[in-house]
Each structure stands twice: as C-alpha cells, then as structure tokens.
Amino acid sequence: MATHLLKRAPERSRPILNPAPGVALALARLHEACGPARYSFALWMASQRPGPVFWIAPEWGASPLNADGMARFVHPGRVIFITPRRPEDVLWCMEETLRAGQVPLVVADLPGLPALTPVRRLHLAAETGTRESGQAPLGLILTPGEGGAQGIESRWHMTPAHTAGAEGWRLTRLRARTSPRQSWLLSGLPDKPRLSPTELHESLSA
C-alpha cells in the first residue's frame, strides 16, 4: 500500500454531519450504532445524506428492512441492498464502496464486533474515497447489544422510548473522540428532531 494512503486527513479539514444539535458525525470516518433502535438511527442518517445508500448485510443474516417502515425516513428506491454470502465479504464490500467515494452513506449490518485492523482499513478507505472523488462518504456499522467496536470515530446507542401520545427514542453518545458521553430523549424524527438532555442509564455509563 502506498505510504500516502496511510496518512489520516487533518482533523480541522474533515466535514461534519450534524443531524441535530449535539449530534455530530465526522465524514470520511467510520462510526458505530448499537441498541434496539440502531436501524432507526441508520435511516435517520440516510435522511440527512443525498444520493444512494448502500446497505450491506450477510445473506444469512437478518431479514431485509420493510419498505413501508423505511419510507418515513428515506425513499426505499435510494437504498441498494448488498447481501454477501461469506461473512468476510461484508466488510470487504464496505471498504471497496468507501474507497470509491461515490456513495454518501455506506451501512454494514454486522452480526458481531469487527476486529481493529478492519476498522482501520475502513477509515483509510473512506479518507481515500474523499481524496479521489472530492466527496466525503460516511461509514456506519450496526452492531448488536451495546456495541464496542475498537477504533471507531464515535459510538451511538439508540433505544425506543415511545409514549402513548408520541414516538420517541433515547439516544446516547457512548464514545466520541472530541465529545463526552451524553444521553438525550429524542423526538420529531426524521425532519424535526428535538433532543432533551437526560441522565445516562447505569448499564451504559461504564
């Protein structure tokens, strides 16, 4: 691999996706979403990015997303589903797509946590794609439970918190390179997100 591909882009020059006040995801980097509502988080991010979305999941994994459920966040026609047969091809497909720099959002639905080396490769691929295309892609991995992938730029945990009168979610920033842990009650998705700070759950505070 050429030496210049191993150099990270300067932090000050990296664009940021801000879907709501306090929620920031650096583009050209890999992020993690976990929790029971991680699919809603991914679709929320899809609603904030123009163009196609690549959704990569193993052929033998979870059932495909329901088009009717997706429609409130993003037109199903924007989402291209990729279903590799081999487990190792899920991250390979994500890496190649990020490196091309032509897809604004690339989501990989993983059955477990990736190793550190593939995560680093995904960061490098996203940065390469940005340099080659002039467009900064966003990489997002969906992991079970409370997540815990090493080396990611940020980790977000999302769980339903609906009431009898309104839809809502609890969103927790578990990890970010430049921001502390924070938890909010979230409503108004996808077009008018409203966040109210709340205390961290004990199970997520460690």
N, C-alpha and C. Protein backbone atom coordinates (compact mmCIF):
# COMPACT_ATOMS: atom_id res chain seq x y z
N MET A 1 0.85 -1.20 0.00
CA MET A 1 0.00 0.00 0.00
C MET A 1 0.88 1.24 0.00
N ALA A 2 0.51 2.23 -0.83
CA ALA A 2 1.31 3.44 -0.91
C ALA A 2 1.30 4.17 0.42
N THR A 3 2.46 4.80 0.72
CA THR A 3 2.60 5.46 2.01
C THR A 3 1.55 6.54 2.21
N HIS A 4 1.21 7.28 1.13
CA HIS A 4 0.28 8.40 1.33
C HIS A 4 -1.10 7.91 1.73
N LEU A 5 -1.45 6.65 1.45
CA LEU A 5 -2.75 6.13 1.84
C LEU A 5 -2.85 5.88 3.34
N LEU A 6 -1.74 5.85 4.02
CA LEU A 6 -1.75 5.60 5.45
C LEU A 6 -1.88 6.86 6.28
N LYS A 7 -1.86 8.01 5.63
CA LYS A 7 -1.94 9.26 6.36
C LYS A 7 -3.38 9.69 6.54
N ARG A 8 -3.75 9.99 7.76
CA ARG A 8 -5.11 10.46 8.03
C ARG A 8 -5.25 11.91 7.61
N ALA A 9 -6.46 12.25 7.15
CA ALA A 9 -6.73 13.64 6.81
C ALA A 9 -6.71 14.49 8.07
N PRO A 10 -6.26 15.76 7.97
CA PRO A 10 -6.22 16.62 9.14
C PRO A 10 -7.61 16.79 9.75
N GLU A 11 -7.68 16.74 11.08
CA GLU A 11 -8.96 16.85 11.77
C GLU A 11 -9.67 18.15 11.40
N ARG A 12 -8.95 19.25 11.27
CA ARG A 12 -9.60 20.54 11.03
C ARG A 12 -10.26 20.62 9.67
N SER A 13 -9.86 19.77 8.73
CA SER A 13 -10.41 19.85 7.38
C SER A 13 -11.54 18.84 7.15
N ARG A 14 -11.86 18.01 8.13
CA ARG A 14 -12.85 16.97 7.93
C ARG A 14 -14.25 17.53 8.12
N PRO A 15 -15.16 17.39 7.12
CA PRO A 15 -16.52 17.89 7.27
C PRO A 15 -17.31 17.08 8.28
N ILE A 16 -18.36 17.68 8.79
CA ILE A 16 -19.16 17.08 9.86
C ILE A 16 -20.62 17.00 9.42
N LEU A 17 -21.28 15.89 9.73
CA LEU A 17 -22.72 15.77 9.57
C LEU A 17 -23.38 16.08 10.89
N ASN A 18 -24.27 17.08 10.92
CA ASN A 18 -24.98 17.49 12.14
C ASN A 18 -26.48 17.33 11.94
N PRO A 19 -27.02 16.15 12.18
CA PRO A 19 -28.46 15.95 12.00
C PRO A 19 -29.31 16.62 13.06
N ALA A 20 -28.71 16.98 14.20
CA ALA A 20 -29.42 17.67 15.27
C ALA A 20 -28.38 18.31 16.19
N PRO A 21 -28.74 19.35 16.94
CA PRO A 21 -27.79 19.98 17.86
C PRO A 21 -27.21 18.96 18.84
N GLY A 22 -25.89 18.90 18.90
CA GLY A 22 -25.22 17.97 19.80
C GLY A 22 -24.88 16.63 19.18
N VAL A 23 -25.46 16.34 18.03
CA VAL A 23 -25.21 15.08 17.33
C VAL A 23 -24.32 15.38 16.13
N ALA A 24 -23.09 14.94 16.17
CA ALA A 24 -22.12 15.26 15.12
C ALA A 24 -21.36 14.00 14.74
N LEU A 25 -21.32 13.72 13.44
CA LEU A 25 -20.56 12.59 12.92
C LEU A 25 -19.60 13.09 11.85
N ALA A 26 -18.32 12.89 12.08
CA ALA A 26 -17.32 13.31 11.11
C ALA A 26 -17.44 12.46 9.85
N LEU A 27 -17.46 13.12 8.72
CA LEU A 27 -17.48 12.40 7.45
C LEU A 27 -16.08 11.86 7.14
N ALA A 28 -16.03 10.95 6.20
CA ALA A 28 -14.78 10.27 5.83
C ALA A 28 -14.23 9.45 7.00
N ARG A 29 -15.11 9.01 7.88
CA ARG A 29 -14.73 8.19 9.03
C ARG A 29 -15.77 7.10 9.24
N LEU A 30 -15.46 6.15 10.12
CA LEU A 30 -16.35 5.04 10.43
C LEU A 30 -16.95 5.24 11.81
N HIS A 31 -18.26 5.09 11.91
CA HIS A 31 -19.00 5.25 13.17
C HIS A 31 -19.76 3.96 13.46
N GLU A 32 -20.22 3.85 14.69
CA GLU A 32 -20.92 2.64 15.14
C GLU A 32 -22.26 3.01 15.75
N ALA A 33 -23.31 2.26 15.41
CA ALA A 33 -24.62 2.41 16.04
C ALA A 33 -25.03 1.06 16.62
N CYS A 34 -25.53 1.07 17.83
CA CYS A 34 -25.95 -0.15 18.51
C CYS A 34 -27.26 0.11 19.23
N GLY A 35 -27.79 -0.90 19.89
CA GLY A 35 -29.05 -0.75 20.59
C GLY A 35 -30.23 -1.22 19.76
N PRO A 36 -31.38 -1.42 20.39
CA PRO A 36 -32.55 -1.95 19.68
C PRO A 36 -33.03 -1.08 18.53
N ALA A 37 -32.77 0.22 18.57
CA ALA A 37 -33.23 1.13 17.51
C ALA A 37 -32.08 1.57 16.60
N ARG A 38 -31.06 0.74 16.45
CA ARG A 38 -29.92 1.13 15.62
C ARG A 38 -30.31 1.28 14.15
N TYR A 39 -31.32 0.53 13.71
CA TYR A 39 -31.77 0.67 12.32
C TYR A 39 -32.44 2.03 12.11
N SER A 40 -33.18 2.48 13.10
CA SER A 40 -33.78 3.82 13.02
C SER A 40 -32.70 4.89 12.98
N PHE A 41 -31.63 4.70 13.75
CA PHE A 41 -30.52 5.65 13.71
C PHE A 41 -29.92 5.69 12.31
N ALA A 42 -29.69 4.52 11.72
CA ALA A 42 -29.09 4.46 10.38
C ALA A 42 -30.00 5.12 9.35
N LEU A 43 -31.29 4.89 9.43
CA LEU A 43 -32.22 5.50 8.49
C LEU A 43 -32.31 7.00 8.70
N TRP A 44 -32.18 7.45 9.94
CA TRP A 44 -32.12 8.88 10.22
C TRP A 44 -30.91 9.50 9.54
N MET A 45 -29.76 8.84 9.63
CA MET A 45 -28.57 9.36 8.94
C MET A 45 -28.78 9.35 7.43
N ALA A 46 -29.48 8.34 6.93
CA ALA A 46 -29.75 8.28 5.48
C ALA A 46 -30.61 9.46 5.04
N SER A 47 -31.52 9.89 5.90
CA SER A 47 -32.38 11.03 5.55
C SER A 47 -31.59 12.33 5.49
N GLN A 48 -30.40 12.35 6.07
CA GLN A 48 -29.58 13.56 6.12
C GLN A 48 -28.53 13.61 5.01
N ARG A 49 -28.42 12.54 4.22
CA ARG A 49 -27.41 12.48 3.17
C ARG A 49 -28.07 12.37 1.81
N PRO A 50 -27.61 13.08 0.81
CA PRO A 50 -28.20 12.98 -0.53
C PRO A 50 -27.70 11.73 -1.25
N GLY A 51 -28.39 11.36 -2.30
CA GLY A 51 -27.89 10.29 -3.15
C GLY A 51 -28.17 8.90 -2.61
N PRO A 52 -27.51 7.90 -3.20
CA PRO A 52 -27.79 6.50 -2.84
C PRO A 52 -27.20 6.12 -1.49
N VAL A 53 -27.79 5.08 -0.91
CA VAL A 53 -27.31 4.47 0.33
C VAL A 53 -27.04 3.00 0.04
N PHE A 54 -25.84 2.53 0.37
CA PHE A 54 -25.54 1.10 0.26
C PHE A 54 -25.74 0.48 1.64
N TRP A 55 -26.60 -0.55 1.69
CA TRP A 55 -26.88 -1.24 2.94
C TRP A 55 -26.39 -2.68 2.79
N ILE A 56 -25.31 -3.02 3.49
CA ILE A 56 -24.64 -4.30 3.32
C ILE A 56 -24.94 -5.19 4.53
N ALA A 57 -25.45 -6.37 4.27
CA ALA A 57 -25.76 -7.32 5.35
C ALA A 57 -25.53 -8.73 4.82
N PRO A 58 -25.08 -9.65 5.66
CA PRO A 58 -24.84 -11.02 5.18
C PRO A 58 -26.12 -11.66 4.68
N GLU A 59 -25.98 -12.49 3.67
CA GLU A 59 -27.13 -13.16 3.07
C GLU A 59 -27.89 -14.00 4.10
N TRP A 60 -27.17 -14.53 5.07
CA TRP A 60 -27.76 -15.42 6.06
C TRP A 60 -28.15 -14.68 7.33
N GLY A 61 -28.14 -13.35 7.30
CA GLY A 61 -28.41 -12.56 8.49
C GLY A 61 -29.88 -12.21 8.66
N ALA A 62 -30.11 -11.01 9.19
CA ALA A 62 -31.46 -10.56 9.50
C ALA A 62 -32.27 -10.34 8.22
N SER A 63 -33.59 -10.32 8.36
CA SER A 63 -34.47 -10.08 7.22
C SER A 63 -34.27 -8.66 6.71
N PRO A 64 -34.50 -8.44 5.40
CA PRO A 64 -34.35 -7.10 4.83
C PRO A 64 -35.31 -6.11 5.50
N LEU A 65 -34.96 -4.84 5.44
CA LEU A 65 -35.82 -3.81 6.01
C LEU A 65 -37.14 -3.75 5.26
N ASN A 66 -38.19 -3.40 5.99
CA ASN A 66 -39.52 -3.25 5.40
C ASN A 66 -39.62 -1.91 4.71
N ALA A 67 -40.02 -1.91 3.43
CA ALA A 67 -40.07 -0.67 2.65
C ALA A 67 -41.02 0.35 3.26
N ASP A 68 -42.16 -0.10 3.79
CA ASP A 68 -43.12 0.83 4.38
C ASP A 68 -42.53 1.52 5.61
N GLY A 69 -41.77 0.76 6.40
CA GLY A 69 -41.14 1.36 7.58
C GLY A 69 -40.02 2.31 7.23
N MET A 70 -39.34 2.04 6.12
CA MET A 70 -38.24 2.90 5.69
C MET A 70 -38.74 4.24 5.14
N ALA A 71 -39.93 4.22 4.53
CA ALA A 71 -40.38 5.34 3.72
C ALA A 71 -40.47 6.65 4.49
N ARG A 72 -40.75 6.61 5.77
CA ARG A 72 -40.86 7.85 6.53
C ARG A 72 -39.51 8.53 6.70
N PHE A 73 -38.44 7.74 6.59
CA PHE A 73 -37.09 8.29 6.71
C PHE A 73 -36.45 8.58 5.35
N VAL A 74 -36.57 7.63 4.44
CA VAL A 74 -35.88 7.72 3.16
C VAL A 74 -36.66 6.91 2.13
N HIS A 75 -36.70 7.40 0.89
CA HIS A 75 -37.37 6.65 -0.16
C HIS A 75 -36.65 5.32 -0.36
N PRO A 76 -37.38 4.19 -0.30
CA PRO A 76 -36.72 2.89 -0.44
C PRO A 76 -35.91 2.75 -1.72
N GLY A 77 -36.29 3.50 -2.77
CA GLY A 77 -35.56 3.41 -4.02
C GLY A 77 -34.14 3.93 -3.94
N ARG A 78 -33.83 4.71 -2.90
CA ARG A 78 -32.47 5.22 -2.73
C ARG A 78 -31.53 4.19 -2.12
N VAL A 79 -32.08 3.14 -1.53
CA VAL A 79 -31.28 2.18 -0.78
C VAL A 79 -30.98 0.95 -1.64
N ILE A 80 -29.72 0.65 -1.78
CA ILE A 80 -29.27 -0.52 -2.53
C ILE A 80 -28.78 -1.56 -1.52
N PHE A 81 -29.46 -2.70 -1.50
CA PHE A 81 -29.12 -3.76 -0.55
C PHE A 81 -28.10 -4.71 -1.18
N ILE A 82 -27.04 -4.98 -0.44
CA ILE A 82 -25.99 -5.88 -0.87
C ILE A 82 -25.90 -7.01 0.15
N THR A 83 -25.97 -8.25 -0.30
CA THR A 83 -26.02 -9.39 0.61
C THR A 83 -24.92 -10.40 0.29
N PRO A 84 -23.70 -10.17 0.75
CA PRO A 84 -22.60 -11.12 0.52
C PRO A 84 -22.89 -12.48 1.15
N ARG A 85 -22.38 -13.52 0.53
CA ARG A 85 -22.58 -14.87 1.05
C ARG A 85 -21.61 -15.21 2.16
N ARG A 86 -20.39 -14.68 2.08
CA ARG A 86 -19.37 -15.00 3.08
C ARG A 86 -19.27 -13.88 4.11
N PRO A 87 -19.11 -14.21 5.39
CA PRO A 87 -19.03 -13.18 6.44
C PRO A 87 -17.93 -12.15 6.17
N GLU A 88 -16.77 -12.61 5.70
CA GLU A 88 -15.65 -11.69 5.50
C GLU A 88 -15.90 -10.70 4.36
N ASP A 89 -16.87 -11.01 3.50
CA ASP A 89 -17.13 -10.12 2.37
C ASP A 89 -17.97 -8.91 2.74
N VAL A 90 -18.59 -8.93 3.91
CA VAL A 90 -19.41 -7.77 4.33
C VAL A 90 -18.52 -6.54 4.48
N LEU A 91 -17.46 -6.67 5.26
CA LEU A 91 -16.57 -5.53 5.46
C LEU A 91 -15.76 -5.23 4.20
N TRP A 92 -15.45 -6.26 3.40
CA TRP A 92 -14.75 -6.03 2.14
C TRP A 92 -15.59 -5.17 1.21
N CYS A 93 -16.88 -5.48 1.11
CA CYS A 93 -17.77 -4.67 0.28
C CYS A 93 -17.84 -3.23 0.78
N MET A 94 -17.90 -3.07 2.10
CA MET A 94 -17.95 -1.73 2.67
C MET A 94 -16.66 -0.97 2.36
N GLU A 95 -15.54 -1.65 2.50
CA GLU A 95 -14.25 -1.00 2.25
C GLU A 95 -14.15 -0.53 0.80
N GLU A 96 -14.52 -1.39 -0.15
CA GLU A 96 -14.42 -1.03 -1.55
C GLU A 96 -15.37 0.12 -1.91
N THR A 97 -16.55 0.13 -1.31
CA THR A 97 -17.50 1.20 -1.59
C THR A 97 -17.02 2.52 -1.02
N LEU A 98 -16.49 2.52 0.19
CA LEU A 98 -15.96 3.75 0.78
C LEU A 98 -14.78 4.26 -0.04
N ARG A 99 -13.93 3.35 -0.50
CA ARG A 99 -12.75 3.76 -1.25
C ARG A 99 -13.14 4.41 -2.58
N ALA A 100 -14.24 4.01 -3.16
CA ALA A 100 -14.69 4.61 -4.42
C ALA A 100 -15.14 6.05 -4.22
N GLY A 101 -15.66 6.36 -3.03
CA GLY A 101 -16.05 7.74 -2.72
C GLY A 101 -17.28 8.23 -3.45
N GLN A 102 -18.08 7.33 -4.01
CA GLN A 102 -19.23 7.73 -4.80
C GLN A 102 -20.56 7.55 -4.08
N VAL A 103 -20.54 6.93 -2.91
CA VAL A 103 -21.78 6.65 -2.16
C VAL A 103 -21.73 7.44 -0.85
N PRO A 104 -22.66 8.38 -0.63
CA PRO A 104 -22.59 9.25 0.54
C PRO A 104 -22.69 8.52 1.88
N LEU A 105 -23.48 7.42 1.93
CA LEU A 105 -23.63 6.68 3.18
C LEU A 105 -23.54 5.19 2.89
N VAL A 106 -22.64 4.51 3.62
CA VAL A 106 -22.46 3.06 3.49
C VAL A 106 -22.70 2.45 4.86
N VAL A 107 -23.70 1.57 4.95
CA VAL A 107 -24.09 0.93 6.21
C VAL A 107 -23.76 -0.55 6.12
N ALA A 108 -23.16 -1.09 7.17
CA ALA A 108 -22.91 -2.53 7.26
C ALA A 108 -23.56 -3.07 8.52
N ASP A 109 -24.49 -3.99 8.36
CA ASP A 109 -25.19 -4.62 9.47
C ASP A 109 -24.42 -5.87 9.86
N LEU A 110 -23.74 -5.82 11.00
CA LEU A 110 -22.82 -6.88 11.39
C LEU A 110 -23.42 -7.76 12.48
N PRO A 111 -23.19 -9.08 12.44
CA PRO A 111 -23.68 -9.96 13.50
C PRO A 111 -22.82 -9.92 14.76
N GLY A 112 -21.62 -9.34 14.67
CA GLY A 112 -20.72 -9.25 15.82
C GLY A 112 -19.80 -8.07 15.66
N LEU A 113 -18.82 -7.95 16.54
CA LEU A 113 -17.91 -6.82 16.52
C LEU A 113 -16.74 -7.08 15.58
N PRO A 114 -16.36 -6.12 14.76
CA PRO A 114 -15.21 -6.30 13.89
C PRO A 114 -13.91 -6.14 14.66
N ALA A 115 -12.84 -6.70 14.12
CA ALA A 115 -11.52 -6.53 14.73
C ALA A 115 -11.00 -5.13 14.43
N LEU A 116 -9.95 -4.75 15.13
CA LEU A 116 -9.40 -3.40 14.99
C LEU A 116 -8.82 -3.16 13.60
N THR A 117 -8.13 -4.14 13.05
CA THR A 117 -7.49 -3.94 11.74
C THR A 117 -8.50 -3.62 10.64
N PRO A 118 -9.62 -4.36 10.52
CA PRO A 118 -10.61 -3.98 9.51
C PRO A 118 -11.19 -2.58 9.73
N VAL A 119 -11.36 -2.19 10.99
CA VAL A 119 -11.87 -0.85 11.27
C VAL A 119 -10.90 0.21 10.75
N ARG A 120 -9.62 -0.01 10.99
CA ARG A 120 -8.62 0.95 10.49
C ARG A 120 -8.62 1.00 8.97
N ARG A 121 -8.79 -0.15 8.33
CA ARG A 121 -8.85 -0.18 6.88
C ARG A 121 -10.06 0.60 6.36
N LEU A 122 -11.17 0.53 7.07
CA LEU A 122 -12.37 1.26 6.65
C LEU A 122 -12.17 2.76 6.78
N HIS A 123 -11.51 3.20 7.85
CA HIS A 123 -11.17 4.63 7.97
C HIS A 123 -10.33 5.08 6.78
N LEU A 124 -9.30 4.31 6.49
CA LEU A 124 -8.40 4.66 5.39
C LEU A 124 -9.13 4.67 4.06
N ALA A 125 -10.03 3.70 3.86
CA ALA A 125 -10.79 3.64 2.61
C ALA A 125 -11.67 4.87 2.46
N ALA A 126 -12.32 5.31 3.54
CA ALA A 126 -13.18 6.49 3.48
C ALA A 126 -12.37 7.74 3.17
N GLU A 127 -11.19 7.84 3.75
CA GLU A 127 -10.33 9.01 3.50
C GLU A 127 -9.80 8.99 2.07
N THR A 128 -9.48 7.78 1.56
CA THR A 128 -9.04 7.66 0.18
C THR A 128 -10.15 8.06 -0.77
N GLY A 129 -11.37 7.60 -0.49
CA GLY A 129 -12.50 7.96 -1.33
C GLY A 129 -12.75 9.45 -1.36
N THR A 130 -12.53 10.11 -0.24
CA THR A 130 -12.70 11.56 -0.19
C THR A 130 -11.68 12.26 -1.06
N ARG A 131 -10.42 11.81 -0.98
CA ARG A 131 -9.38 12.43 -1.81
C ARG A 131 -9.61 12.20 -3.30
N GLU A 132 -10.05 10.99 -3.64
CA GLU A 132 -10.18 10.64 -5.06
C GLU A 132 -11.40 11.28 -5.71
N SER A 133 -12.50 11.41 -4.95
CA SER A 133 -13.75 11.87 -5.54
C SER A 133 -14.11 13.31 -5.18
N GLY A 134 -13.50 13.82 -4.10
CA GLY A 134 -13.88 15.14 -3.62
C GLY A 134 -15.16 15.13 -2.81
N GLN A 135 -15.73 13.96 -2.57
CA GLN A 135 -16.94 13.81 -1.76
C GLN A 135 -16.61 12.93 -0.56
N ALA A 136 -17.05 13.34 0.61
CA ALA A 136 -16.72 12.61 1.83
C ALA A 136 -17.82 11.62 2.19
N PRO A 137 -17.56 10.31 2.08
CA PRO A 137 -18.57 9.33 2.47
C PRO A 137 -18.63 9.17 3.99
N LEU A 138 -19.74 8.64 4.44
CA LEU A 138 -19.92 8.31 5.86
C LEU A 138 -20.07 6.81 5.98
N GLY A 139 -19.25 6.18 6.82
CA GLY A 139 -19.35 4.75 7.08
C GLY A 139 -20.02 4.51 8.42
N LEU A 140 -20.97 3.59 8.46
CA LEU A 140 -21.71 3.30 9.69
C LEU A 140 -21.86 1.79 9.82
N ILE A 141 -21.35 1.23 10.92
CA ILE A 141 -21.56 -0.18 11.20
C ILE A 141 -22.62 -0.32 12.28
N LEU A 142 -23.50 -1.31 12.12
CA LEU A 142 -24.54 -1.61 13.09
C LEU A 142 -24.14 -2.88 13.82
N THR A 143 -24.04 -2.80 15.14
CA THR A 143 -23.56 -3.93 15.93
C THR A 143 -24.57 -4.29 17.01
N PRO A 144 -24.61 -5.56 17.43
CA PRO A 144 -25.61 -5.99 18.42
C PRO A 144 -25.26 -5.53 19.82
N GLY A 145 -26.26 -5.59 20.69
CA GLY A 145 -26.06 -5.25 22.10
C GLY A 145 -25.68 -3.80 22.29
N GLU A 146 -24.69 -3.58 23.12
CA GLU A 146 -24.20 -2.23 23.38
C GLU A 146 -22.96 -1.90 22.57
N GLY A 147 -22.73 -2.67 21.52
CA GLY A 147 -21.60 -2.39 20.64
C GLY A 147 -20.28 -2.60 21.33
N GLY A 148 -19.27 -1.86 20.88
CA GLY A 148 -17.96 -1.97 21.49
C GLY A 148 -16.84 -2.17 20.50
N ALA A 149 -17.08 -1.86 19.23
CA ALA A 149 -16.02 -1.99 18.23
C ALA A 149 -14.86 -1.05 18.57
N GLN A 150 -13.64 -1.53 18.41
CA GLN A 150 -12.46 -0.72 18.68
C GLN A 150 -12.13 0.16 17.48
N GLY A 151 -11.63 1.36 17.77
CA GLY A 151 -11.10 2.21 16.73
C GLY A 151 -12.10 3.05 15.97
N ILE A 152 -13.40 2.95 16.29
CA ILE A 152 -14.40 3.74 15.57
C ILE A 152 -14.32 5.21 16.01
N GLU A 153 -14.84 6.08 15.16
CA GLU A 153 -14.81 7.52 15.45
C GLU A 153 -15.80 7.89 16.54
N SER A 154 -16.99 7.28 16.51
CA SER A 154 -17.99 7.52 17.55
C SER A 154 -18.91 6.32 17.64
N ARG A 155 -19.54 6.17 18.81
CA ARG A 155 -20.49 5.07 19.04
C ARG A 155 -21.78 5.66 19.60
N TRP A 156 -22.91 5.26 18.99
CA TRP A 156 -24.24 5.77 19.37
C TRP A 156 -25.15 4.61 19.72
N HIS A 157 -25.81 4.72 20.86
CA HIS A 157 -26.77 3.71 21.30
C HIS A 157 -28.16 4.33 21.25
N MET A 158 -29.09 3.62 20.61
CA MET A 158 -30.44 4.17 20.46
C MET A 158 -31.46 3.09 20.79
N THR A 159 -32.46 3.47 21.59
CA THR A 159 -33.49 2.53 22.01
C THR A 159 -34.84 3.23 21.99
N PRO A 160 -35.92 2.52 21.72
CA PRO A 160 -37.24 3.18 21.70
C PRO A 160 -37.62 3.71 23.07
N ALA A 161 -38.29 4.85 23.08
CA ALA A 161 -38.83 5.44 24.31
C ALA A 161 -40.18 6.07 23.98
N HIS A 162 -41.02 5.31 23.29
CA HIS A 162 -42.31 5.83 22.85
C HIS A 162 -43.26 5.97 24.03
N THR A 163 -44.19 6.92 23.92
CA THR A 163 -45.26 7.09 24.90
C THR A 163 -46.59 6.88 24.19
N ALA A 164 -47.66 6.95 24.95
CA ALA A 164 -48.98 6.73 24.36
C ALA A 164 -49.33 7.81 23.33
N GLY A 165 -48.76 9.00 23.50
CA GLY A 165 -49.12 10.09 22.61
C GLY A 165 -48.11 10.46 21.56
N ALA A 166 -46.89 9.91 21.64
CA ALA A 166 -45.87 10.34 20.68
C ALA A 166 -44.76 9.31 20.60
N GLU A 167 -44.07 9.32 19.44
CA GLU A 167 -42.90 8.49 19.27
C GLU A 167 -41.69 9.17 19.89
N GLY A 168 -40.79 8.37 20.42
CA GLY A 168 -39.58 8.92 21.00
C GLY A 168 -38.52 7.85 21.13
N TRP A 169 -37.31 8.30 21.31
CA TRP A 169 -36.17 7.39 21.45
C TRP A 169 -35.22 7.96 22.51
N ARG A 170 -34.44 7.09 23.10
CA ARG A 170 -33.34 7.52 23.96
C ARG A 170 -32.05 7.33 23.16
N LEU A 171 -31.36 8.41 22.93
CA LEU A 171 -30.12 8.39 22.16
C LEU A 171 -28.96 8.69 23.10
N THR A 172 -27.95 7.84 23.06
CA THR A 172 -26.79 8.01 23.93
C THR A 172 -25.52 7.99 23.10
N ARG A 173 -24.72 9.02 23.28
CA ARG A 173 -23.38 9.03 22.68
C ARG A 173 -22.45 8.34 23.66
N LEU A 174 -22.08 7.12 23.33
CA LEU A 174 -21.24 6.33 24.23
C LEU A 174 -19.77 6.66 24.08
N ARG A 175 -19.39 7.06 22.87
CA ARG A 175 -17.98 7.34 22.63
C ARG A 175 -17.85 8.32 21.48
N ALA A 176 -16.95 9.27 21.63
CA ALA A 176 -16.58 10.17 20.54
C ALA A 176 -15.20 10.71 20.86
N ARG A 177 -14.43 10.97 19.82
CA ARG A 177 -13.05 11.39 20.03
C ARG A 177 -12.95 12.76 20.70
N THR A 178 -13.89 13.63 20.45
CA THR A 178 -13.78 15.00 20.95
C THR A 178 -14.96 15.43 21.81
N SER A 179 -15.87 14.51 22.16
CA SER A 179 -17.05 14.88 22.93
C SER A 179 -17.27 13.88 24.07
N PRO A 180 -17.84 14.33 25.20
CA PRO A 180 -18.08 13.43 26.32
C PRO A 180 -19.32 12.57 26.09
N ARG A 181 -19.51 11.59 26.94
CA ARG A 181 -20.74 10.80 26.91
C ARG A 181 -21.92 11.72 27.19
N GLN A 182 -23.02 11.45 26.50
CA GLN A 182 -24.21 12.27 26.68
C GLN A 182 -25.43 11.46 26.27
N SER A 183 -26.56 11.69 26.96
CA SER A 183 -27.79 10.99 26.64
C SER A 183 -28.91 12.00 26.47
N TRP A 184 -29.79 11.72 25.51
CA TRP A 184 -30.93 12.60 25.24
C TRP A 184 -32.20 11.78 25.06
N LEU A 185 -33.35 12.44 25.26
CA LEU A 185 -34.62 11.94 24.77
C LEU A 185 -34.84 12.61 23.42
N LEU A 186 -35.10 11.81 22.42
CA LEU A 186 -35.16 12.28 21.04
C LEU A 186 -36.56 12.08 20.50
N SER A 187 -37.07 13.11 19.81
CA SER A 187 -38.38 13.02 19.17
C SER A 187 -38.34 13.80 17.87
N GLY A 188 -39.43 13.74 17.11
CA GLY A 188 -39.55 14.52 15.89
C GLY A 188 -38.80 14.00 14.70
N LEU A 189 -38.40 12.72 14.72
CA LEU A 189 -37.68 12.18 13.57
C LEU A 189 -38.62 11.95 12.38
N PRO A 190 -38.10 12.11 11.14
CA PRO A 190 -36.71 12.48 10.85
C PRO A 190 -36.51 13.97 10.57
N ASP A 191 -37.60 14.69 10.29
CA ASP A 191 -37.45 16.05 9.76
C ASP A 191 -37.25 17.13 10.81
N LYS A 192 -37.82 16.94 12.01
CA LYS A 192 -37.74 17.98 13.03
C LYS A 192 -37.26 17.38 14.35
N PRO A 193 -36.01 16.91 14.38
CA PRO A 193 -35.50 16.26 15.60
C PRO A 193 -35.41 17.24 16.76
N ARG A 194 -35.86 16.78 17.91
CA ARG A 194 -35.77 17.55 19.14
C ARG A 194 -35.10 16.68 20.19
N LEU A 195 -34.10 17.24 20.87
CA LEU A 195 -33.36 16.50 21.88
C LEU A 195 -33.44 17.20 23.22
N SER A 196 -33.73 16.41 24.25
CA SER A 196 -33.74 16.91 25.62
C SER A 196 -32.73 16.11 26.42
N PRO A 197 -31.69 16.76 26.98
CA PRO A 197 -30.68 16.02 27.74
C PRO A 197 -31.30 15.25 28.90
N THR A 198 -30.76 14.08 29.16
CA THR A 198 -31.23 13.25 30.27
C THR A 198 -30.02 12.53 30.85
N GLU A 199 -30.21 11.85 31.98
CA GLU A 199 -29.11 11.17 32.63
C GLU A 199 -28.79 9.87 31.89
N LEU A 200 -27.53 9.50 31.94
CA LEU A 200 -27.10 8.23 31.35
C LEU A 200 -27.68 7.06 32.14
N HIS A 201 -28.11 6.03 31.44
CA HIS A 201 -28.50 4.80 32.09
C HIS A 201 -27.27 4.15 32.71
N GLU A 202 -27.45 3.53 33.89
CA GLU A 202 -26.32 2.89 34.55
C GLU A 202 -25.68 1.84 33.68
N SER A 203 -26.50 1.07 32.92
CA SER A 203 -25.96 -0.01 32.10
C SER A 203 -25.09 0.51 30.96
N LEU A 204 -25.22 1.83 30.63
CA LEU A 204 -24.46 2.39 29.52
C LEU A 204 -23.38 3.34 29.99
N SER A 205 -23.21 3.51 31.28
CA SER A 205 -22.31 4.52 31.78
C SER A 205 -20.90 4.01 32.04
N ALA A 206 -20.73 2.69 31.99
CA ALA A 206 -19.40 2.12 32.27
C ALA A 206 -18.47 2.34 31.10
